[in-house]
Amino acid sequence: MRLPPRIALLALGLVAVVYSAASLTGGWLGTPPWWWTETQASDVTVFGATQRLGLEELRKGREWISGDVIVAGLAVAAFGTLSRRHRERVA
């Protein structure tokens, strides 16, 4: 794999790790979208425009999802660091 895609994969993996770790350590980068689930939804029409309004609550198992995202980010970053060069063998 060429260098630019490897750098992009490494950066993407590290961003996922930092964002998920931030959600587990107090949410200093904001609350991630996988922490919330929509419980009730209703359609409201105001001045001819219909919008869907819903109540959100914290999802059960959200910490495990953050941990899974950390593991996936580490895997993507590790894949980005792999070198696919074939070395010549000297006989």
PDB file of N, CA and C in Angstrom:
ATOM      1  N   MET A   1       0.848  -1.171   0.000  1.00  0.00           N
ATOM      2  CA  MET A   1       0.000   0.000   0.000  1.00  0.00           C
ATOM      3  C   MET A   1       0.890   1.228   0.000  1.00  0.00           C
ATOM      4  N   ARG A   2       0.479   2.221  -0.716  1.00  0.00           N
ATOM      5  CA  ARG A   2       1.269   3.450  -0.823  1.00  0.00           C
ATOM      6  C   ARG A   2       1.186   4.248   0.472  1.00  0.00           C
ATOM      7  N   LEU A   3       2.061   5.213   0.604  1.00  0.00           N
ATOM      8  CA  LEU A   3       2.182   5.982   1.845  1.00  0.00           C
ATOM      9  C   LEU A   3       0.947   6.839   2.160  1.00  0.00           C
ATOM     10  N   PRO A   4       0.361   7.610   1.212  1.00  0.00           N
ATOM     11  CA  PRO A   4      -0.791   8.448   1.589  1.00  0.00           C
ATOM     12  C   PRO A   4      -1.994   7.671   2.144  1.00  0.00           C
ATOM     13  N   PRO A   5      -2.390   6.535   1.558  1.00  0.00           N
ATOM     14  CA  PRO A   5      -3.493   5.790   2.181  1.00  0.00           C
ATOM     15  C   PRO A   5      -3.134   5.238   3.558  1.00  0.00           C
ATOM     16  N   ARG A   6      -1.881   4.869   3.748  1.00  0.00           N
ATOM     17  CA  ARG A   6      -1.456   4.384   5.057  1.00  0.00           C
ATOM     18  C   ARG A   6      -1.531   5.481   6.103  1.00  0.00           C
ATOM     19  N   ILE A   7      -1.127   6.680   5.729  1.00  0.00           N
ATOM     20  CA  ILE A   7      -1.209   7.812   6.665  1.00  0.00           C
ATOM     21  C   ILE A   7      -2.664   8.132   6.977  1.00  0.00           C
ATOM     22  N   ALA A   8      -3.537   8.068   5.953  1.00  0.00           N
ATOM     23  CA  ALA A   8      -4.964   8.337   6.167  1.00  0.00           C
ATOM     24  C   ALA A   8      -5.585   7.301   7.103  1.00  0.00           C
ATOM     25  N   LEU A   9      -5.255   6.023   6.923  1.00  0.00           N
ATOM     26  CA  LEU A   9      -5.779   4.983   7.808  1.00  0.00           C
ATOM     27  C   LEU A   9      -5.273   5.153   9.235  1.00  0.00           C
ATOM     28  N   LEU A  10      -4.015   5.482   9.369  1.00  0.00           N
ATOM     29  CA  LEU A  10      -3.447   5.711  10.693  1.00  0.00           C
ATOM     30  C   LEU A  10      -4.152   6.878  11.387  1.00  0.00           C
ATOM     31  N   ALA A  11      -4.351   7.973  10.666  1.00  0.00           N
ATOM     32  CA  ALA A  11      -5.025   9.143  11.241  1.00  0.00           C
ATOM     33  C   ALA A  11      -6.472   8.820  11.596  1.00  0.00           C
ATOM     34  N   LEU A  12      -7.178   8.121  10.718  1.00  0.00           N
ATOM     35  CA  LEU A  12      -8.570   7.758  10.986  1.00  0.00           C
ATOM     36  C   LEU A  12      -8.676   6.881  12.226  1.00  0.00           C
ATOM     37  N   GLY A  13      -7.792   5.908  12.338  1.00  0.00           N
ATOM     38  CA  GLY A  13      -7.804   5.041  13.514  1.00  0.00           C
ATOM     39  C   GLY A  13      -7.514   5.793  14.801  1.00  0.00           C
ATOM     40  N   LEU A  14      -6.541   6.682  14.759  1.00  0.00           N
ATOM     41  CA  LEU A  14      -6.204   7.450  15.959  1.00  0.00           C
ATOM     42  C   LEU A  14      -7.311   8.412  16.357  1.00  0.00           C
ATOM     43  N   VAL A  15      -7.988   8.997  15.369  1.00  0.00           N
ATOM     44  CA  VAL A  15      -9.120   9.885  15.673  1.00  0.00           C
ATOM     45  C   VAL A  15     -10.238   9.092  16.345  1.00  0.00           C
ATOM     46  N   ALA A  16     -10.527   7.894  15.855  1.00  0.00           N
ATOM     47  CA  ALA A  16     -11.563   7.062  16.463  1.00  0.00           C
ATOM     48  C   ALA A  16     -11.194   6.697  17.901  1.00  0.00           C
ATOM     49  N   VAL A  17      -9.933   6.372  18.133  1.00  0.00           N
ATOM     50  CA  VAL A  17      -9.482   6.019  19.476  1.00  0.00           C
ATOM     51  C   VAL A  17      -9.620   7.209  20.419  1.00  0.00           C
ATOM     52  N   VAL A  18      -9.173   8.375  20.006  1.00  0.00           N
ATOM     53  CA  VAL A  18      -9.234   9.562  20.864  1.00  0.00           C
ATOM     54  C   VAL A  18     -10.681   9.965  21.137  1.00  0.00           C
ATOM     55  N   TYR A  19     -11.546   9.918  20.119  1.00  0.00           N
ATOM     56  CA  TYR A  19     -12.946  10.321  20.299  1.00  0.00           C
ATOM     57  C   TYR A  19     -13.664   9.369  21.253  1.00  0.00           C
ATOM     58  N   SER A  20     -13.422   8.074  21.105  1.00  0.00           N
ATOM     59  CA  SER A  20     -14.068   7.110  21.994  1.00  0.00           C
ATOM     60  C   SER A  20     -13.517   7.194  23.410  1.00  0.00           C
ATOM     61  N   ALA A  21     -12.221   7.368  23.529  1.00  0.00           N
ATOM     62  CA  ALA A  21     -11.633   7.520  24.857  1.00  0.00           C
ATOM     63  C   ALA A  21     -12.150   8.785  25.537  1.00  0.00           C
ATOM     64  N   ALA A  22     -12.365   9.831  24.764  1.00  0.00           N
ATOM     65  CA  ALA A  22     -12.921  11.061  25.325  1.00  0.00           C
ATOM     66  C   ALA A  22     -14.338  10.838  25.835  1.00  0.00           C
ATOM     67  N   SER A  23     -15.115  10.003  25.137  1.00  0.00           N
ATOM     68  CA  SER A  23     -16.478   9.752  25.591  1.00  0.00           C
ATOM     69  C   SER A  23     -16.490   8.944  26.883  1.00  0.00           C
ATOM     70  N   LEU A  24     -15.484   8.117  27.080  1.00  0.00           N
ATOM     71  CA  LEU A  24     -15.422   7.318  28.305  1.00  0.00           C
ATOM     72  C   LEU A  24     -14.836   8.081  29.483  1.00  0.00           C
ATOM     73  N   THR A  25     -14.117   9.164  29.222  1.00  0.00           N
ATOM     74  CA  THR A  25     -13.448   9.899  30.294  1.00  0.00           C
ATOM     75  C   THR A  25     -14.086  11.253  30.551  1.00  0.00           C
ATOM     76  N   GLY A  26     -15.376  11.348  30.391  1.00  0.00           N
ATOM     77  CA  GLY A  26     -16.071  12.581  30.744  1.00  0.00           C
ATOM     78  C   GLY A  26     -16.651  13.343  29.581  1.00  0.00           C
ATOM     79  N   GLY A  27     -16.513  12.858  28.388  1.00  0.00           N
ATOM     80  CA  GLY A  27     -17.135  13.501  27.237  1.00  0.00           C
ATOM     81  C   GLY A  27     -16.557  14.857  26.904  1.00  0.00           C
ATOM     82  N   TRP A  28     -15.239  15.025  27.022  1.00  0.00           N
ATOM     83  CA  TRP A  28     -14.636  16.338  26.777  1.00  0.00           C
ATOM     84  C   TRP A  28     -14.597  16.712  25.313  1.00  0.00           C
ATOM     85  N   LEU A  29     -15.007  15.819  24.407  1.00  0.00           N
ATOM     86  CA  LEU A  29     -15.182  16.179  22.993  1.00  0.00           C
ATOM     87  C   LEU A  29     -16.657  16.136  22.598  1.00  0.00           C
ATOM     88  N   GLY A  30     -17.516  16.109  23.588  1.00  0.00           N
ATOM     89  CA  GLY A  30     -18.947  16.023  23.320  1.00  0.00           C
ATOM     90  C   GLY A  30     -19.439  14.597  23.469  1.00  0.00           C
ATOM     91  N   THR A  31     -20.742  14.449  23.466  1.00  0.00           N
ATOM     92  CA  THR A  31     -21.344  13.127  23.594  1.00  0.00           C
ATOM     93  C   THR A  31     -21.412  12.475  22.227  1.00  0.00           C
ATOM     94  N   PRO A  32     -20.895  11.269  22.082  1.00  0.00           N
ATOM     95  CA  PRO A  32     -20.931  10.607  20.773  1.00  0.00           C
ATOM     96  C   PRO A  32     -22.351  10.182  20.410  1.00  0.00           C
ATOM     97  N   PRO A  33     -22.636  10.036  19.133  1.00  0.00           N
ATOM     98  CA  PRO A  33     -24.010   9.719  18.715  1.00  0.00           C
ATOM     99  C   PRO A  33     -24.476   8.340  19.148  1.00  0.00           C
ATOM    100  N   TRP A  34     -23.571   7.408  19.412  1.00  0.00           N
ATOM    101  CA  TRP A  34     -24.008   6.068  19.793  1.00  0.00           C
ATOM    102  C   TRP A  34     -24.414   5.988  21.263  1.00  0.00           C
ATOM    103  N   TRP A  35     -24.306   7.071  22.011  1.00  0.00           N
ATOM    104  CA  TRP A  35     -24.723   7.063  23.405  1.00  0.00           C
ATOM    105  C   TRP A  35     -26.221   7.299  23.556  1.00  0.00           C
ATOM    106  N   TRP A  36     -26.880   7.793  22.533  1.00  0.00           N
ATOM    107  CA  TRP A  36     -28.296   8.157  22.634  1.00  0.00           C
ATOM    108  C   TRP A  36     -29.152   7.238  21.779  1.00  0.00           C
ATOM    109  N   THR A  37     -30.366   7.008  22.235  1.00  0.00           N
ATOM    110  CA  THR A  37     -31.337   6.250  21.465  1.00  0.00           C
ATOM    111  C   THR A  37     -32.675   6.990  21.520  1.00  0.00           C
ATOM    112  N   GLU A  38     -33.402   6.953  20.430  1.00  0.00           N
ATOM    113  CA  GLU A  38     -34.688   7.641  20.360  1.00  0.00           C
ATOM    114  C   GLU A  38     -35.764   6.726  20.933  1.00  0.00           C
ATOM    115  N   THR A  39     -36.525   7.231  21.920  1.00  0.00           N
ATOM    116  CA  THR A  39     -37.524   6.395  22.574  1.00  0.00           C
ATOM    117  C   THR A  39     -38.920   6.627  22.013  1.00  0.00           C
ATOM    118  N   GLN A  40     -39.304   7.873  21.851  1.00  0.00           N
ATOM    119  CA  GLN A  40     -40.626   8.189  21.319  1.00  0.00           C
ATOM    120  C   GLN A  40     -40.441   9.202  20.200  1.00  0.00           C
ATOM    121  N   ALA A  41     -41.150   8.987  19.131  1.00  0.00           N
ATOM    122  CA  ALA A  41     -41.053   9.924  18.015  1.00  0.00           C
ATOM    123  C   ALA A  41     -42.464  10.298  17.571  1.00  0.00           C
ATOM    124  N   SER A  42     -42.623  11.550  17.203  1.00  0.00           N
ATOM    125  CA  SER A  42     -43.911  12.007  16.687  1.00  0.00           C
ATOM    126  C   SER A  42     -43.654  13.046  15.604  1.00  0.00           C
ATOM    127  N   ASP A  43     -44.557  13.092  14.633  1.00  0.00           N
ATOM    128  CA  ASP A  43     -44.459  14.065  13.553  1.00  0.00           C
ATOM    129  C   ASP A  43     -45.248  15.310  13.930  1.00  0.00           C
ATOM    130  N   VAL A  44     -44.615  16.466  13.788  1.00  0.00           N
ATOM    131  CA  VAL A  44     -45.242  17.741  14.112  1.00  0.00           C
ATOM    132  C   VAL A  44     -45.220  18.609  12.860  1.00  0.00           C
ATOM    133  N   THR A  45     -46.370  19.179  12.523  1.00  0.00           N
ATOM    134  CA  THR A  45     -46.459  20.053  11.356  1.00  0.00           C
ATOM    135  C   THR A  45     -46.632  21.496  11.824  1.00  0.00           C
ATOM    136  N   VAL A  46     -45.700  22.339  11.412  1.00  0.00           N
ATOM    137  CA  VAL A  46     -45.741  23.757  11.749  1.00  0.00           C
ATOM    138  C   VAL A  46     -45.587  24.539  10.459  1.00  0.00           C
ATOM    139  N   PHE A  47     -46.568  25.351  10.133  1.00  0.00           N
ATOM    140  CA  PHE A  47     -46.566  26.174   8.924  1.00  0.00           C
ATOM    141  C   PHE A  47     -46.324  25.338   7.667  1.00  0.00           C
ATOM    142  N   GLY A  48     -46.927  24.158   7.625  1.00  0.00           N
ATOM    143  CA  GLY A  48     -46.825  23.310   6.446  1.00  0.00           C
ATOM    144  C   GLY A  48     -45.573  22.455   6.364  1.00  0.00           C
ATOM    145  N   ALA A  49     -44.658  22.620   7.298  1.00  0.00           N
ATOM    146  CA  ALA A  49     -43.436  21.819   7.304  1.00  0.00           C
ATOM    147  C   ALA A  49     -43.541  20.762   8.398  1.00  0.00           C
ATOM    148  N   THR A  50     -43.305  19.527   8.022  1.00  0.00           N
ATOM    149  CA  THR A  50     -43.391  18.423   8.973  1.00  0.00           C
ATOM    150  C   THR A  50     -41.996  18.067   9.470  1.00  0.00           C
ATOM    151  N   GLN A  51     -41.892  18.004  10.785  1.00  0.00           N
ATOM    152  CA  GLN A  51     -40.628  17.606  11.399  1.00  0.00           C
ATOM    153  C   GLN A  51     -40.881  16.460  12.351  1.00  0.00           C
ATOM    154  N   ARG A  52     -39.901  15.624  12.472  1.00  0.00           N
ATOM    155  CA  ARG A  52     -39.999  14.488  13.386  1.00  0.00           C
ATOM    156  C   ARG A  52     -39.285  14.846  14.690  1.00  0.00           C
ATOM    157  N   LEU A  53     -40.040  14.850  15.772  1.00  0.00           N
ATOM    158  CA  LEU A  53     -39.490  15.158  17.083  1.00  0.00           C
ATOM    159  C   LEU A  53     -39.461  13.887  17.911  1.00  0.00           C
ATOM    160  N   GLY A  54     -38.407  13.704  18.643  1.00  0.00           N
ATOM    161  CA  GLY A  54     -38.300  12.509  19.469  1.00  0.00           C
ATOM    162  C   GLY A  54     -37.587  12.801  20.767  1.00  0.00           C
ATOM    163  N   LEU A  55     -37.912  12.001  21.753  1.00  0.00           N
ATOM    164  CA  LEU A  55     -37.225  12.079  23.023  1.00  0.00           C
ATOM    165  C   LEU A  55     -36.059  11.099  22.984  1.00  0.00           C
ATOM    166  N   GLU A  56     -34.952  11.511  23.530  1.00  0.00           N
ATOM    167  CA  GLU A  56     -33.772  10.658  23.527  1.00  0.00           C
ATOM    168  C   GLU A  56     -33.378  10.314  24.953  1.00  0.00           C
ATOM    169  N   GLU A  57     -32.880   9.116  25.124  1.00  0.00           N
ATOM    170  CA  GLU A  57     -32.351   8.716  26.425  1.00  0.00           C
ATOM    171  C   GLU A  57     -31.035   7.981  26.198  1.00  0.00           C
ATOM    172  N   LEU A  58     -30.292   7.842  27.271  1.00  0.00           N
ATOM    173  CA  LEU A  58     -28.993   7.168  27.171  1.00  0.00           C
ATOM    174  C   LEU A  58     -29.201   5.693  26.851  1.00  0.00           C
ATOM    175  N   ARG A  59     -28.410   5.195  25.918  1.00  0.00           N
ATOM    176  CA  ARG A  59     -28.496   3.795  25.484  1.00  0.00           C
ATOM    177  C   ARG A  59     -27.802   2.890  26.499  1.00  0.00           C
ATOM    178  N   LYS A  60     -28.384   1.742  26.737  1.00  0.00           N
ATOM    179  CA  LYS A  60     -27.748   0.753  27.604  1.00  0.00           C
ATOM    180  C   LYS A  60     -26.567   0.140  26.854  1.00  0.00           C
ATOM    181  N   GLY A  61     -25.478  -0.073  27.544  1.00  0.00           N
ATOM    182  CA  GLY A  61     -24.301  -0.663  26.924  1.00  0.00           C
ATOM    183  C   GLY A  61     -23.462   0.319  26.128  1.00  0.00           C
ATOM    184  N   ARG A  62     -23.659   1.605  26.346  1.00  0.00           N
ATOM    185  CA  ARG A  62     -22.945   2.623  25.560  1.00  0.00           C
ATOM    186  C   ARG A  62     -21.448   2.600  25.808  1.00  0.00           C
ATOM    187  N   GLU A  63     -21.043   2.229  27.026  1.00  0.00           N
ATOM    188  CA  GLU A  63     -19.611   2.147  27.317  1.00  0.00           C
ATOM    189  C   GLU A  63     -18.966   1.027  26.516  1.00  0.00           C
ATOM    190  N   TRP A  64     -19.674  -0.083  26.343  1.00  0.00           N
ATOM    191  CA  TRP A  64     -19.154  -1.195  25.553  1.00  0.00           C
ATOM    192  C   TRP A  64     -19.006  -0.799  24.093  1.00  0.00           C
ATOM    193  N   ILE A  65     -19.961  -0.008  23.589  1.00  0.00           N
ATOM    194  CA  ILE A  65     -19.864   0.457  22.206  1.00  0.00           C
ATOM    195  C   ILE A  65     -18.625   1.344  22.054  1.00  0.00           C
ATOM    196  N   SER A  66     -18.383   2.217  23.023  1.00  0.00           N
ATOM    197  CA  SER A  66     -17.179   3.061  22.975  1.00  0.00           C
ATOM    198  C   SER A  66     -15.922   2.213  23.001  1.00  0.00           C
ATOM    199  N   GLY A  67     -15.917   1.169  23.821  1.00  0.00           N
ATOM    200  CA  GLY A  67     -14.772   0.270  23.848  1.00  0.00           C
ATOM    201  C   GLY A  67     -14.573  -0.441  22.523  1.00  0.00           C
ATOM    202  N   ASP A  68     -15.682  -0.829  21.891  1.00  0.00           N
ATOM    203  CA  ASP A  68     -15.583  -1.474  20.575  1.00  0.00           C
ATOM    204  C   ASP A  68     -15.025  -0.518  19.522  1.00  0.00           C
ATOM    205  N   VAL A  69     -15.417   0.739  19.597  1.00  0.00           N
ATOM    206  CA  VAL A  69     -14.896   1.727  18.649  1.00  0.00           C
ATOM    207  C   VAL A  69     -13.404   1.947  18.880  1.00  0.00           C
ATOM    208  N   ILE A  70     -12.973   1.901  20.133  1.00  0.00           N
ATOM    209  CA  ILE A  70     -11.536   2.012  20.424  1.00  0.00           C
ATOM    210  C   ILE A  70     -10.777   0.848  19.796  1.00  0.00           C
ATOM    211  N   VAL A  71     -11.302  -0.364  19.965  1.00  0.00           N
ATOM    212  CA  VAL A  71     -10.641  -1.545  19.398  1.00  0.00           C
ATOM    213  C   VAL A  71     -10.604  -1.457  17.873  1.00  0.00           C
ATOM    214  N   ALA A  72     -11.717  -1.043  17.267  1.00  0.00           N
ATOM    215  CA  ALA A  72     -11.754  -0.907  15.807  1.00  0.00           C
ATOM    216  C   ALA A  72     -10.779   0.167  15.339  1.00  0.00           C
ATOM    217  N   GLY A  73     -10.685   1.282  16.064  1.00  0.00           N
ATOM    218  CA  GLY A  73      -9.739   2.332  15.708  1.00  0.00           C
ATOM    219  C   GLY A  73      -8.303   1.870  15.802  1.00  0.00           C
ATOM    220  N   LEU A  74      -7.999   1.083  16.839  1.00  0.00           N
ATOM    221  CA  LEU A  74      -6.649   0.533  16.957  1.00  0.00           C
ATOM    222  C   LEU A  74      -6.341  -0.422  15.811  1.00  0.00           C
ATOM    223  N   ALA A  75      -7.341  -1.208  15.412  1.00  0.00           N
ATOM    224  CA  ALA A  75      -7.125  -2.143  14.297  1.00  0.00           C
ATOM    225  C   ALA A  75      -6.885  -1.391  12.991  1.00  0.00           C
ATOM    226  N   VAL A  76      -7.645  -0.328  12.746  1.00  0.00           N
ATOM    227  CA  VAL A  76      -7.455   0.462  11.521  1.00  0.00           C
ATOM    228  C   VAL A  76      -6.090   1.142  11.539  1.00  0.00           C
ATOM    229  N   ALA A  77      -5.713   1.684  12.699  1.00  0.00           N
ATOM    230  CA  ALA A  77      -4.398   2.331  12.803  1.00  0.00           C
ATOM    231  C   ALA A  77      -3.277   1.314  12.604  1.00  0.00           C
ATOM    232  N   ALA A  78      -3.425   0.124  13.157  1.00  0.00           N
ATOM    233  CA  ALA A  78      -2.405  -0.906  12.978  1.00  0.00           C
ATOM    234  C   ALA A  78      -2.318  -1.338  11.518  1.00  0.00           C
ATOM    235  N   PHE A  79      -3.460  -1.451  10.862  1.00  0.00           N
ATOM    236  CA  PHE A  79      -3.458  -1.810   9.447  1.00  0.00           C
ATOM    237  C   PHE A  79      -2.765  -0.732   8.619  1.00  0.00           C
ATOM    238  N   GLY A  80      -2.933   0.533   9.024  1.00  0.00           N
ATOM    239  CA  GLY A  80      -2.281   1.624   8.312  1.00  0.00           C
ATOM    240  C   GLY A  80      -0.778   1.646   8.484  1.00  0.00           C
ATOM    241  N   THR A  81      -0.293   1.024   9.544  1.00  0.00           N
ATOM    242  CA  THR A  81       1.157   1.013   9.758  1.00  0.00           C
ATOM    243  C   THR A  81       1.855  -0.164   9.087  1.00  0.00           C
ATOM    244  N   LEU A  82       1.083  -1.116   8.584  1.00  0.00           N
ATOM    245  CA  LEU A  82       1.689  -2.275   7.931  1.00  0.00           C
ATOM    246  C   LEU A  82       2.339  -1.876   6.613  1.00  0.00           C
ATOM    247  N   SER A  83       3.454  -2.468   6.347  1.00  0.00           N
ATOM    248  CA  SER A  83       4.139  -2.242   5.080  1.00  0.00           C
ATOM    249  C   SER A  83       3.982  -3.491   4.232  1.00  0.00           C
ATOM    250  N   ARG A  84       3.567  -3.337   3.006  1.00  0.00           N
ATOM    251  CA  ARG A  84       3.340  -4.466   2.120  1.00  0.00           C
ATOM    252  C   ARG A  84       4.473  -4.659   1.117  1.00  0.00           C
ATOM    253  N   ARG A  85       5.628  -4.175   1.420  1.00  0.00           N
ATOM    254  CA  ARG A  85       6.756  -4.331   0.510  1.00  0.00           C
ATOM    255  C   ARG A  85       7.268  -5.761   0.565  1.00  0.00           C
ATOM    256  N   HIS A  86       7.565  -6.282  -0.576  1.00  0.00           N
ATOM    257  CA  HIS A  86       8.154  -7.614  -0.661  1.00  0.00           C
ATOM    258  C   HIS A  86       9.670  -7.463  -0.761  1.00  0.00           C
ATOM    259  N   ARG A  87      10.343  -8.059   0.144  1.00  0.00           N
ATOM    260  CA  ARG A  87      11.798  -7.971   0.132  1.00  0.00           C
ATOM    261  C   ARG A  87      12.361  -9.103  -0.723  1.00  0.00           C
ATOM    262  N   GLU A  88      13.409  -8.790  -1.398  1.00  0.00           N
ATOM    263  CA  GLU A  88      14.051  -9.815  -2.205  1.00  0.00           C
ATOM    264  C   GLU A  88      14.857 -10.728  -1.304  1.00  0.00           C
ATOM    265  N   ARG A  89      14.748 -12.002  -1.583  1.00  0.00           N
ATOM    266  CA  ARG A  89      15.501 -12.969  -0.799  1.00  0.00           C
ATOM    267  C   ARG A  89      16.819 -13.254  -1.513  1.00  0.00           C
ATOM    268  N   VAL A  90      17.844 -13.236  -0.745  1.00  0.00           N
ATOM    269  CA  VAL A  90      19.158 -13.541  -1.295  1.00  0.00           C
ATOM    270  C   VAL A  90      19.426 -15.027  -1.053  1.00  0.00           C
ATOM    271  N   ALA A  91      19.647 -15.742  -2.153  1.00  0.00           N
ATOM    272  CA  ALA A  91      19.854 -17.199  -2.026  1.00  0.00           C
ATOM    273  C   ALA A  91      21.309 -17.542  -1.830  1.00  0.00           C
TER     274      ALA A  91
END
